[in-house]
Amino acid sequence: MPWLIVLLGYLLGSIPTAYIAGRLFKGRDIRQMGDGNMGAANAFRQLGAKAGIGVFFVDAGKGALAILIAQAAFLPLVVILLTGLAAVIGHNWSVFIGFRGGRGESTTIGVLLTLITQPMLILAGPMLATLLIKRNVTIASCVLFIPLPLVCWWLGVPGLLISYSVALPCLVGATTFVRTRRVADTSSSGSA
């Protein structure tokens, strides 16, 4: 049973929201548009504000739903955390589209908002302000994720959840680094 819930988390995360939105709104493959990323930021830039915001909420909802299902099954905390991780992995490497996907920011936000609601809400204001001023998702994510473990500690969140609040954003950061580097390498080899 626990592993079925973890698998369900992966499958929920694998739903390719931005890909579906690209097909619905423009009749195009989002992987062939903009930076090729299948996340809310690329959807916002390429498909418009409504589509981008919609993709964000659905992607965050995938992470939140995975956690809520695991909690409803009264599973141990470790399995609940694995289910959230599986949802982010599913988003980043979707089984439905050849193991490609987004970078996991929105899904991670959904997972963490469900698990550590108060710290996430405290940091939501500064993150949104940064996003509106800088118009840069990466910088806004840093404003959210970097101080998150400290806010969790300050609020007395259990150590396992504090570690998780570090590990999940690290996965997002590593995925972003690898994908950004791959795009940069492709661009430089194409111009050489």
N, C-alpha and C. Protein backbone atom coordinates (compact mmCIF):
# COMPACT_ATOMS: atom_id res chain seq x y z
N MET A 1 0.81 -1.22 0.00
CA MET A 1 0.00 0.00 0.00
C MET A 1 0.85 1.28 0.00
N PRO A 2 1.85 1.41 0.89
CA PRO A 2 2.63 2.66 0.87
C PRO A 2 3.26 2.94 -0.49
N TRP A 3 3.80 1.91 -1.13
CA TRP A 3 4.48 2.13 -2.41
C TRP A 3 3.49 2.47 -3.52
N LEU A 4 2.25 2.00 -3.39
CA LEU A 4 1.22 2.39 -4.36
C LEU A 4 0.91 3.88 -4.24
N ILE A 5 0.92 4.39 -3.03
CA ILE A 5 0.67 5.82 -2.82
C ILE A 5 1.84 6.63 -3.39
N VAL A 6 3.07 6.17 -3.15
CA VAL A 6 4.24 6.85 -3.72
C VAL A 6 4.16 6.85 -5.24
N LEU A 7 3.80 5.70 -5.82
CA LEU A 7 3.64 5.61 -7.28
C LEU A 7 2.54 6.55 -7.76
N LEU A 8 1.45 6.62 -7.02
CA LEU A 8 0.37 7.54 -7.38
C LEU A 8 0.88 8.99 -7.35
N GLY A 9 1.71 9.31 -6.36
CA GLY A 9 2.32 10.64 -6.30
C GLY A 9 3.13 10.94 -7.56
N TYR A 10 3.91 9.94 -7.99
CA TYR A 10 4.69 10.12 -9.22
C TYR A 10 3.78 10.34 -10.42
N LEU A 11 2.73 9.54 -10.53
CA LEU A 11 1.82 9.65 -11.68
C LEU A 11 1.07 10.99 -11.67
N LEU A 12 0.68 11.44 -10.49
CA LEU A 12 0.05 12.77 -10.39
C LEU A 12 1.02 13.86 -10.86
N GLY A 13 2.25 13.78 -10.36
CA GLY A 13 3.26 14.75 -10.76
C GLY A 13 3.55 14.71 -12.25
N SER A 14 3.39 13.55 -12.84
CA SER A 14 3.71 13.36 -14.27
C SER A 14 2.71 13.98 -15.22
N ILE A 15 1.54 14.38 -14.72
CA ILE A 15 0.55 15.00 -15.61
C ILE A 15 1.18 16.26 -16.22
N PRO A 16 1.37 16.30 -17.54
CA PRO A 16 2.12 17.38 -18.18
C PRO A 16 1.26 18.62 -18.43
N THR A 17 1.01 19.38 -17.39
CA THR A 17 0.09 20.51 -17.45
C THR A 17 0.44 21.52 -18.55
N ALA A 18 1.71 21.95 -18.59
CA ALA A 18 2.11 22.96 -19.58
C ALA A 18 2.01 22.41 -21.00
N TYR A 19 2.32 21.15 -21.17
CA TYR A 19 2.19 20.52 -22.49
C TYR A 19 0.73 20.53 -22.94
N ILE A 20 -0.17 20.14 -22.03
CA ILE A 20 -1.60 20.13 -22.34
C ILE A 20 -2.08 21.55 -22.64
N ALA A 21 -1.64 22.53 -21.84
CA ALA A 21 -2.03 23.92 -22.05
C ALA A 21 -1.53 24.42 -23.41
N GLY A 22 -0.30 24.05 -23.79
CA GLY A 22 0.24 24.45 -25.09
C GLY A 22 -0.61 23.93 -26.24
N ARG A 23 -1.03 22.69 -26.13
CA ARG A 23 -1.88 22.08 -27.15
C ARG A 23 -3.26 22.75 -27.19
N LEU A 24 -3.81 23.04 -26.00
CA LEU A 24 -5.15 23.64 -25.93
C LEU A 24 -5.16 25.10 -26.39
N PHE A 25 -4.19 25.89 -25.93
CA PHE A 25 -4.21 27.32 -26.20
C PHE A 25 -3.59 27.71 -27.54
N LYS A 26 -2.56 27.01 -27.96
CA LYS A 26 -1.85 27.39 -29.18
C LYS A 26 -1.76 26.28 -30.22
N GLY A 27 -2.20 25.07 -29.84
CA GLY A 27 -2.06 23.94 -30.76
C GLY A 27 -0.62 23.58 -31.03
N ARG A 28 0.26 23.89 -30.06
CA ARG A 28 1.70 23.65 -30.23
C ARG A 28 2.27 22.92 -29.03
N ASP A 29 3.45 22.37 -29.25
CA ASP A 29 4.18 21.65 -28.20
C ASP A 29 5.02 22.66 -27.43
N ILE A 30 4.75 22.83 -26.14
CA ILE A 30 5.48 23.80 -25.32
C ILE A 30 6.98 23.50 -25.30
N ARG A 31 7.34 22.25 -25.55
CA ARG A 31 8.76 21.88 -25.57
C ARG A 31 9.49 22.50 -26.75
N GLN A 32 8.73 22.98 -27.73
CA GLN A 32 9.32 23.63 -28.91
C GLN A 32 9.16 25.16 -28.84
N MET A 33 8.77 25.66 -27.69
CA MET A 33 8.53 27.09 -27.54
C MET A 33 9.40 27.66 -26.42
N GLY A 34 9.84 28.88 -26.59
CA GLY A 34 10.61 29.56 -25.54
C GLY A 34 11.85 28.77 -25.16
N ASP A 35 12.00 28.52 -23.85
CA ASP A 35 13.18 27.78 -23.38
C ASP A 35 12.96 26.27 -23.39
N GLY A 36 11.79 25.84 -23.87
CA GLY A 36 11.51 24.41 -23.98
C GLY A 36 11.11 23.75 -22.67
N ASN A 37 11.06 24.54 -21.60
CA ASN A 37 10.71 24.00 -20.29
C ASN A 37 9.20 23.82 -20.19
N MET A 38 8.79 22.73 -19.55
CA MET A 38 7.36 22.47 -19.38
C MET A 38 6.90 22.87 -17.99
N GLY A 39 7.04 24.16 -17.70
CA GLY A 39 6.62 24.67 -16.41
C GLY A 39 5.81 25.94 -16.57
N ALA A 40 5.39 26.48 -15.43
CA ALA A 40 4.52 27.65 -15.42
C ALA A 40 5.17 28.89 -16.02
N ALA A 41 6.47 29.10 -15.77
CA ALA A 41 7.13 30.31 -16.26
C ALA A 41 7.16 30.34 -17.79
N ASN A 42 7.54 29.24 -18.41
CA ASN A 42 7.56 29.19 -19.88
C ASN A 42 6.14 29.28 -20.43
N ALA A 43 5.18 28.66 -19.75
CA ALA A 43 3.78 28.75 -20.18
C ALA A 43 3.30 30.20 -20.09
N PHE A 44 3.70 30.91 -19.04
CA PHE A 44 3.32 32.32 -18.87
C PHE A 44 3.86 33.15 -20.03
N ARG A 45 5.14 32.94 -20.35
CA ARG A 45 5.77 33.72 -21.42
C ARG A 45 5.23 33.37 -22.80
N GLN A 46 4.99 32.10 -23.04
CA GLN A 46 4.64 31.65 -24.39
C GLN A 46 3.14 31.55 -24.65
N LEU A 47 2.36 31.28 -23.62
CA LEU A 47 0.93 31.03 -23.81
C LEU A 47 0.06 32.14 -23.25
N GLY A 48 0.67 33.04 -22.46
CA GLY A 48 -0.09 34.14 -21.88
C GLY A 48 -0.26 33.99 -20.38
N ALA A 49 -0.67 35.09 -19.76
CA ALA A 49 -0.77 35.14 -18.29
C ALA A 49 -1.78 34.14 -17.75
N LYS A 50 -2.97 34.07 -18.37
CA LYS A 50 -3.99 33.16 -17.85
C LYS A 50 -3.50 31.72 -17.88
N ALA A 51 -2.91 31.31 -18.99
CA ALA A 51 -2.41 29.94 -19.10
C ALA A 51 -1.29 29.70 -18.11
N GLY A 52 -0.36 30.64 -17.99
CA GLY A 52 0.78 30.47 -17.08
C GLY A 52 0.34 30.36 -15.64
N ILE A 53 -0.59 31.22 -15.22
CA ILE A 53 -1.09 31.17 -13.84
C ILE A 53 -1.86 29.87 -13.62
N GLY A 54 -2.64 29.47 -14.61
CA GLY A 54 -3.37 28.21 -14.51
C GLY A 54 -2.44 27.02 -14.37
N VAL A 55 -1.37 27.00 -15.18
CA VAL A 55 -0.38 25.92 -15.09
C VAL A 55 0.26 25.91 -13.71
N PHE A 56 0.59 27.10 -13.18
CA PHE A 56 1.17 27.16 -11.83
C PHE A 56 0.25 26.50 -10.80
N PHE A 57 -1.02 26.89 -10.81
CA PHE A 57 -1.94 26.37 -9.79
C PHE A 57 -2.19 24.87 -9.95
N VAL A 58 -2.28 24.39 -11.18
CA VAL A 58 -2.47 22.95 -11.38
C VAL A 58 -1.22 22.19 -10.95
N ASP A 59 -0.04 22.70 -11.33
CA ASP A 59 1.21 22.02 -10.94
C ASP A 59 1.39 22.02 -9.42
N ALA A 60 1.08 23.15 -8.77
CA ALA A 60 1.15 23.20 -7.30
C ALA A 60 0.11 22.25 -6.71
N GLY A 61 -1.05 22.20 -7.33
CA GLY A 61 -2.12 21.31 -6.87
C GLY A 61 -1.74 19.85 -6.95
N LYS A 62 -0.95 19.48 -7.97
CA LYS A 62 -0.49 18.08 -8.08
C LYS A 62 0.33 17.70 -6.85
N GLY A 63 1.23 18.58 -6.44
CA GLY A 63 2.05 18.31 -5.27
C GLY A 63 1.22 18.27 -4.00
N ALA A 64 0.31 19.23 -3.85
CA ALA A 64 -0.54 19.27 -2.67
C ALA A 64 -1.43 18.03 -2.59
N LEU A 65 -2.02 17.64 -3.71
CA LEU A 65 -2.91 16.48 -3.73
C LEU A 65 -2.17 15.20 -3.37
N ALA A 66 -0.95 15.05 -3.87
CA ALA A 66 -0.16 13.86 -3.54
C ALA A 66 0.04 13.76 -2.03
N ILE A 67 0.37 14.89 -1.40
CA ILE A 67 0.57 14.90 0.06
C ILE A 67 -0.74 14.61 0.79
N LEU A 68 -1.82 15.23 0.35
CA LEU A 68 -3.11 15.04 1.01
C LEU A 68 -3.58 13.58 0.93
N ILE A 69 -3.35 12.94 -0.21
CA ILE A 69 -3.73 11.53 -0.36
C ILE A 69 -2.91 10.67 0.60
N ALA A 70 -1.60 10.92 0.66
CA ALA A 70 -0.73 10.15 1.55
C ALA A 70 -1.13 10.37 3.01
N GLN A 71 -1.46 11.60 3.37
CA GLN A 71 -1.89 11.88 4.74
C GLN A 71 -3.23 11.20 5.05
N ALA A 72 -4.14 11.20 4.08
CA ALA A 72 -5.46 10.58 4.27
C ALA A 72 -5.34 9.07 4.45
N ALA A 73 -4.26 8.48 3.90
CA ALA A 73 -4.04 7.05 4.04
C ALA A 73 -3.34 6.72 5.37
N PHE A 74 -3.11 7.75 6.20
CA PHE A 74 -2.48 7.58 7.52
C PHE A 74 -1.13 6.86 7.43
N LEU A 75 -0.34 7.26 6.44
CA LEU A 75 0.97 6.66 6.25
C LEU A 75 2.00 7.35 7.14
N PRO A 76 3.09 6.67 7.44
CA PRO A 76 4.16 7.31 8.23
C PRO A 76 4.70 8.54 7.50
N LEU A 77 5.24 9.48 8.27
CA LEU A 77 5.74 10.74 7.70
C LEU A 77 6.76 10.50 6.59
N VAL A 78 7.63 9.51 6.76
CA VAL A 78 8.65 9.24 5.75
C VAL A 78 8.01 8.89 4.41
N VAL A 79 6.94 8.11 4.44
CA VAL A 79 6.26 7.74 3.19
C VAL A 79 5.54 8.95 2.60
N ILE A 80 4.98 9.80 3.45
CA ILE A 80 4.34 11.02 2.97
C ILE A 80 5.37 11.90 2.25
N LEU A 81 6.55 12.02 2.85
CA LEU A 81 7.62 12.83 2.24
C LEU A 81 8.09 12.21 0.93
N LEU A 82 8.19 10.88 0.88
CA LEU A 82 8.56 10.20 -0.37
C LEU A 82 7.51 10.43 -1.45
N THR A 83 6.25 10.48 -1.06
CA THR A 83 5.18 10.73 -2.02
C THR A 83 5.31 12.13 -2.62
N GLY A 84 5.62 13.12 -1.78
CA GLY A 84 5.85 14.47 -2.28
C GLY A 84 7.05 14.53 -3.21
N LEU A 85 8.12 13.87 -2.82
CA LEU A 85 9.31 13.79 -3.68
C LEU A 85 8.96 13.14 -5.01
N ALA A 86 8.17 12.07 -4.96
CA ALA A 86 7.77 11.37 -6.19
C ALA A 86 6.97 12.29 -7.10
N ALA A 87 6.13 13.14 -6.52
CA ALA A 87 5.34 14.08 -7.34
C ALA A 87 6.25 15.06 -8.06
N VAL A 88 7.27 15.56 -7.37
CA VAL A 88 8.21 16.50 -8.00
C VAL A 88 9.02 15.78 -9.07
N ILE A 89 9.48 14.57 -8.79
CA ILE A 89 10.22 13.78 -9.78
C ILE A 89 9.33 13.51 -11.00
N GLY A 90 8.05 13.19 -10.75
CA GLY A 90 7.12 12.97 -11.86
C GLY A 90 6.96 14.22 -12.71
N HIS A 91 6.89 15.38 -12.06
CA HIS A 91 6.78 16.63 -12.81
C HIS A 91 8.03 16.87 -13.66
N ASN A 92 9.18 16.61 -13.08
CA ASN A 92 10.44 16.88 -13.78
C ASN A 92 10.75 15.85 -14.86
N TRP A 93 10.33 14.61 -14.63
CA TRP A 93 10.60 13.52 -15.58
C TRP A 93 9.32 12.71 -15.78
N SER A 94 8.42 13.29 -16.57
CA SER A 94 7.08 12.71 -16.75
C SER A 94 7.12 11.45 -17.61
N VAL A 95 6.51 10.39 -17.10
CA VAL A 95 6.42 9.13 -17.84
C VAL A 95 5.55 9.31 -19.08
N PHE A 96 4.67 10.31 -19.08
CA PHE A 96 3.73 10.50 -20.18
C PHE A 96 4.34 11.22 -21.39
N ILE A 97 5.48 11.86 -21.21
CA ILE A 97 6.10 12.59 -22.33
C ILE A 97 7.59 12.29 -22.43
N GLY A 98 7.93 11.03 -22.43
CA GLY A 98 9.33 10.64 -22.65
C GLY A 98 10.28 11.08 -21.56
N PHE A 99 9.80 11.13 -20.31
CA PHE A 99 10.63 11.49 -19.15
C PHE A 99 11.24 12.88 -19.27
N ARG A 100 10.47 13.79 -19.85
CA ARG A 100 10.83 15.21 -19.84
C ARG A 100 9.81 15.94 -18.99
N GLY A 101 10.11 17.16 -18.61
CA GLY A 101 9.16 17.89 -17.79
C GLY A 101 9.66 19.28 -17.45
N GLY A 102 9.15 19.80 -16.35
CA GLY A 102 9.55 21.11 -15.89
C GLY A 102 10.69 21.02 -14.88
N ARG A 103 10.85 22.08 -14.12
CA ARG A 103 11.93 22.12 -13.13
C ARG A 103 11.45 21.83 -11.72
N GLY A 104 10.16 21.79 -11.54
CA GLY A 104 9.61 21.35 -10.26
C GLY A 104 9.28 22.42 -9.25
N GLU A 105 9.44 23.71 -9.61
CA GLU A 105 9.21 24.76 -8.62
C GLU A 105 7.76 24.79 -8.13
N SER A 106 6.81 24.80 -9.07
CA SER A 106 5.40 24.90 -8.68
C SER A 106 4.96 23.68 -7.87
N THR A 107 5.38 22.49 -8.31
CA THR A 107 4.99 21.27 -7.60
C THR A 107 5.61 21.24 -6.21
N THR A 108 6.85 21.69 -6.10
CA THR A 108 7.52 21.77 -4.79
C THR A 108 6.79 22.74 -3.88
N ILE A 109 6.35 23.87 -4.43
CA ILE A 109 5.59 24.83 -3.63
C ILE A 109 4.32 24.18 -3.10
N GLY A 110 3.62 23.42 -3.94
CA GLY A 110 2.40 22.73 -3.50
C GLY A 110 2.67 21.72 -2.40
N VAL A 111 3.75 20.96 -2.55
CA VAL A 111 4.12 19.96 -1.55
C VAL A 111 4.44 20.64 -0.22
N LEU A 112 5.31 21.65 -0.27
CA LEU A 112 5.76 22.30 0.97
C LEU A 112 4.65 23.13 1.62
N LEU A 113 3.80 23.74 0.80
CA LEU A 113 2.70 24.52 1.35
C LEU A 113 1.75 23.63 2.15
N THR A 114 1.59 22.39 1.70
CA THR A 114 0.71 21.46 2.40
C THR A 114 1.35 20.93 3.67
N LEU A 115 2.66 20.72 3.64
CA LEU A 115 3.37 20.14 4.78
C LEU A 115 3.75 21.17 5.84
N ILE A 116 4.24 22.31 5.41
CA ILE A 116 4.72 23.35 6.34
C ILE A 116 4.06 24.68 5.95
N THR A 117 2.78 24.73 6.16
CA THR A 117 1.95 25.84 5.68
C THR A 117 2.40 27.19 6.22
N GLN A 118 2.58 27.29 7.53
CA GLN A 118 2.88 28.59 8.13
C GLN A 118 4.19 29.19 7.63
N PRO A 119 5.31 28.43 7.61
CA PRO A 119 6.55 29.01 7.07
C PRO A 119 6.41 29.44 5.61
N MET A 120 5.70 28.64 4.83
CA MET A 120 5.52 28.98 3.41
C MET A 120 4.70 30.26 3.26
N LEU A 121 3.66 30.41 4.06
CA LEU A 121 2.83 31.62 3.97
C LEU A 121 3.61 32.86 4.41
N ILE A 122 4.47 32.71 5.41
CA ILE A 122 5.29 33.84 5.87
C ILE A 122 6.19 34.33 4.75
N LEU A 123 6.74 33.41 3.98
CA LEU A 123 7.68 33.77 2.91
C LEU A 123 6.99 34.06 1.58
N ALA A 124 5.69 33.79 1.50
CA ALA A 124 4.97 34.02 0.23
C ALA A 124 4.97 35.49 -0.15
N GLY A 125 4.78 36.38 0.83
CA GLY A 125 4.76 37.83 0.55
C GLY A 125 6.05 38.32 -0.08
N PRO A 126 7.19 38.09 0.59
CA PRO A 126 8.46 38.52 -0.01
C PRO A 126 8.72 37.88 -1.39
N MET A 127 8.33 36.60 -1.55
CA MET A 127 8.53 35.94 -2.84
C MET A 127 7.70 36.62 -3.93
N LEU A 128 6.42 36.88 -3.65
CA LEU A 128 5.55 37.52 -4.64
C LEU A 128 6.01 38.93 -4.96
N ALA A 129 6.45 39.67 -3.94
CA ALA A 129 6.97 41.03 -4.18
C ALA A 129 8.19 40.97 -5.08
N THR A 130 9.08 40.03 -4.82
CA THR A 130 10.28 39.87 -5.66
C THR A 130 9.90 39.51 -7.08
N LEU A 131 8.93 38.62 -7.23
CA LEU A 131 8.48 38.22 -8.57
C LEU A 131 7.90 39.40 -9.33
N LEU A 132 7.11 40.23 -8.65
CA LEU A 132 6.50 41.39 -9.32
C LEU A 132 7.55 42.45 -9.68
N ILE A 133 8.53 42.65 -8.81
CA ILE A 133 9.55 43.68 -9.05
C ILE A 133 10.59 43.21 -10.06
N LYS A 134 11.13 42.02 -9.84
CA LYS A 134 12.24 41.52 -10.68
C LYS A 134 11.76 40.78 -11.93
N ARG A 135 10.54 40.24 -11.86
CA ARG A 135 10.00 39.43 -12.96
C ARG A 135 10.94 38.29 -13.33
N ASN A 136 11.48 37.68 -12.28
CA ASN A 136 12.41 36.57 -12.46
C ASN A 136 12.04 35.46 -11.48
N VAL A 137 11.61 34.32 -12.03
CA VAL A 137 11.15 33.21 -11.21
C VAL A 137 12.28 32.64 -10.37
N THR A 138 13.48 32.57 -10.92
CA THR A 138 14.62 31.99 -10.19
C THR A 138 14.94 32.81 -8.94
N ILE A 139 14.98 34.13 -9.09
CA ILE A 139 15.28 34.99 -7.93
C ILE A 139 14.15 34.89 -6.90
N ALA A 140 12.90 34.89 -7.38
CA ALA A 140 11.76 34.78 -6.47
C ALA A 140 11.80 33.44 -5.72
N SER A 141 12.18 32.38 -6.41
CA SER A 141 12.29 31.06 -5.77
C SER A 141 13.37 31.07 -4.70
N CYS A 142 14.46 31.76 -4.96
CA CYS A 142 15.53 31.86 -3.96
C CYS A 142 15.03 32.59 -2.71
N VAL A 143 14.24 33.65 -2.91
CA VAL A 143 13.69 34.40 -1.78
C VAL A 143 12.76 33.50 -0.95
N LEU A 144 12.10 32.56 -1.61
CA LEU A 144 11.21 31.63 -0.90
C LEU A 144 12.00 30.50 -0.25
N PHE A 145 12.84 29.84 -1.02
CA PHE A 145 13.43 28.58 -0.57
C PHE A 145 14.66 28.74 0.33
N ILE A 146 15.49 29.74 0.11
CA ILE A 146 16.74 29.85 0.90
C ILE A 146 16.46 30.11 2.39
N PRO A 147 15.59 31.06 2.74
CA PRO A 147 15.35 31.26 4.18
C PRO A 147 14.35 30.27 4.79
N LEU A 148 13.74 29.41 3.98
CA LEU A 148 12.69 28.52 4.47
C LEU A 148 13.13 27.64 5.64
N PRO A 149 14.29 26.98 5.58
CA PRO A 149 14.69 26.14 6.73
C PRO A 149 14.85 26.95 8.02
N LEU A 150 15.35 28.18 7.90
CA LEU A 150 15.52 29.04 9.08
C LEU A 150 14.17 29.41 9.67
N VAL A 151 13.20 29.75 8.81
CA VAL A 151 11.86 30.09 9.30
C VAL A 151 11.22 28.85 9.94
N CYS A 152 11.43 27.69 9.32
CA CYS A 152 10.92 26.44 9.90
C CYS A 152 11.51 26.21 11.30
N TRP A 153 12.81 26.38 11.43
CA TRP A 153 13.48 26.20 12.72
C TRP A 153 12.94 27.18 13.75
N TRP A 154 12.79 28.44 13.33
CA TRP A 154 12.28 29.50 14.21
C TRP A 154 10.89 29.15 14.73
N LEU A 155 10.07 28.50 13.88
CA LEU A 155 8.70 28.15 14.27
C LEU A 155 8.60 26.78 14.94
N GLY A 156 9.74 26.11 15.15
CA GLY A 156 9.74 24.83 15.84
C GLY A 156 9.26 23.65 15.01
N VAL A 157 9.44 23.74 13.70
CA VAL A 157 9.08 22.62 12.81
C VAL A 157 10.02 21.46 13.10
N PRO A 158 9.53 20.20 13.09
CA PRO A 158 10.39 19.04 13.34
C PRO A 158 11.57 18.97 12.36
N GLY A 159 12.68 18.42 12.86
CA GLY A 159 13.92 18.36 12.09
C GLY A 159 13.80 17.67 10.74
N LEU A 160 13.01 16.60 10.66
CA LEU A 160 12.85 15.88 9.40
C LEU A 160 12.22 16.79 8.34
N LEU A 161 11.24 17.58 8.74
CA LEU A 161 10.60 18.50 7.79
C LEU A 161 11.54 19.65 7.41
N ILE A 162 12.38 20.08 8.36
CA ILE A 162 13.37 21.12 8.02
C ILE A 162 14.34 20.58 6.98
N SER A 163 14.81 19.34 7.18
CA SER A 163 15.71 18.73 6.19
C SER A 163 15.03 18.61 4.83
N TYR A 164 13.76 18.25 4.84
CA TYR A 164 12.98 18.12 3.61
C TYR A 164 12.83 19.47 2.92
N SER A 165 12.68 20.54 3.73
CA SER A 165 12.55 21.89 3.17
C SER A 165 13.85 22.36 2.52
N VAL A 166 14.95 21.67 2.81
CA VAL A 166 16.23 21.93 2.14
C VAL A 166 16.36 21.03 0.92
N ALA A 167 16.05 19.74 1.09
CA ALA A 167 16.29 18.75 0.04
C ALA A 167 15.45 18.97 -1.21
N LEU A 168 14.17 19.24 -1.03
CA LEU A 168 13.29 19.39 -2.20
C LEU A 168 13.68 20.60 -3.05
N PRO A 169 13.90 21.78 -2.47
CA PRO A 169 14.38 22.89 -3.28
C PRO A 169 15.76 22.63 -3.91
N CYS A 170 16.60 21.83 -3.25
CA CYS A 170 17.89 21.47 -3.86
C CYS A 170 17.69 20.67 -5.14
N LEU A 171 16.68 19.78 -5.14
CA LEU A 171 16.35 19.04 -6.36
C LEU A 171 15.91 20.00 -7.46
N VAL A 172 15.09 20.99 -7.10
CA VAL A 172 14.66 22.00 -8.07
C VAL A 172 15.87 22.76 -8.61
N GLY A 173 16.76 23.17 -7.71
CA GLY A 173 17.95 23.91 -8.11
C GLY A 173 18.85 23.10 -9.02
N ALA A 174 19.06 21.83 -8.68
CA ALA A 174 19.92 20.97 -9.51
C ALA A 174 19.30 20.76 -10.88
N THR A 175 17.99 20.55 -10.93
CA THR A 175 17.30 20.37 -12.21
C THR A 175 17.41 21.64 -13.04
N THR A 176 17.21 22.79 -12.41
CA THR A 176 17.32 24.08 -13.12
C THR A 176 18.74 24.26 -13.66
N PHE A 177 19.74 23.97 -12.84
CA PHE A 177 21.13 24.13 -13.26
C PHE A 177 21.44 23.25 -14.48
N VAL A 178 21.06 21.98 -14.40
CA VAL A 178 21.36 21.04 -15.49
C VAL A 178 20.64 21.46 -16.77
N ARG A 179 19.38 21.81 -16.66
CA ARG A 179 18.60 22.16 -17.86
C ARG A 179 19.05 23.49 -18.45
N THR A 180 19.36 24.46 -17.60
CA THR A 180 19.84 25.76 -18.09
C THR A 180 21.19 25.60 -18.76
N ARG A 181 22.03 24.77 -18.18
CA ARG A 181 23.35 24.54 -18.76
C ARG A 181 23.23 23.84 -20.11
N ARG A 182 22.31 22.86 -20.20
CA ARG A 182 22.10 22.14 -21.45
C ARG A 182 21.63 23.09 -22.55
N VAL A 183 20.70 24.01 -22.20
CA VAL A 183 20.22 24.99 -23.17
C VAL A 183 21.35 25.91 -23.59
N ALA A 184 22.17 26.35 -22.63
CA ALA A 184 23.30 27.23 -22.95
C ALA A 184 24.31 26.52 -23.85
N ASP A 185 24.58 25.25 -23.55
CA ASP A 185 25.52 24.47 -24.38
C ASP A 185 24.99 24.30 -25.79
N THR A 186 23.69 24.06 -25.93
CA THR A 186 23.07 23.90 -27.23
C THR A 186 23.14 25.21 -28.01
N SER A 187 22.88 26.33 -27.33
CA SER A 187 22.91 27.64 -27.98
C SER A 187 24.32 27.99 -28.45
N SER A 188 25.32 27.72 -27.59
CA SER A 188 26.69 28.07 -27.96
C SER A 188 27.22 27.17 -29.07
N SER A 189 26.83 25.90 -29.08
CA SER A 189 27.30 25.03 -30.16
C SER A 189 26.59 25.35 -31.45
N GLY A 190 25.35 25.86 -31.35
CA GLY A 190 24.62 26.22 -32.56
C GLY A 190 25.17 27.49 -33.18
N SER A 191 25.73 28.39 -32.36
CA SER A 191 26.26 29.66 -32.89
C SER A 191 27.72 29.55 -33.28
N ALA A 192 28.37 28.44 -32.94
CA ALA A 192 29.79 28.28 -33.25
C ALA A 192 30.01 27.85 -34.68
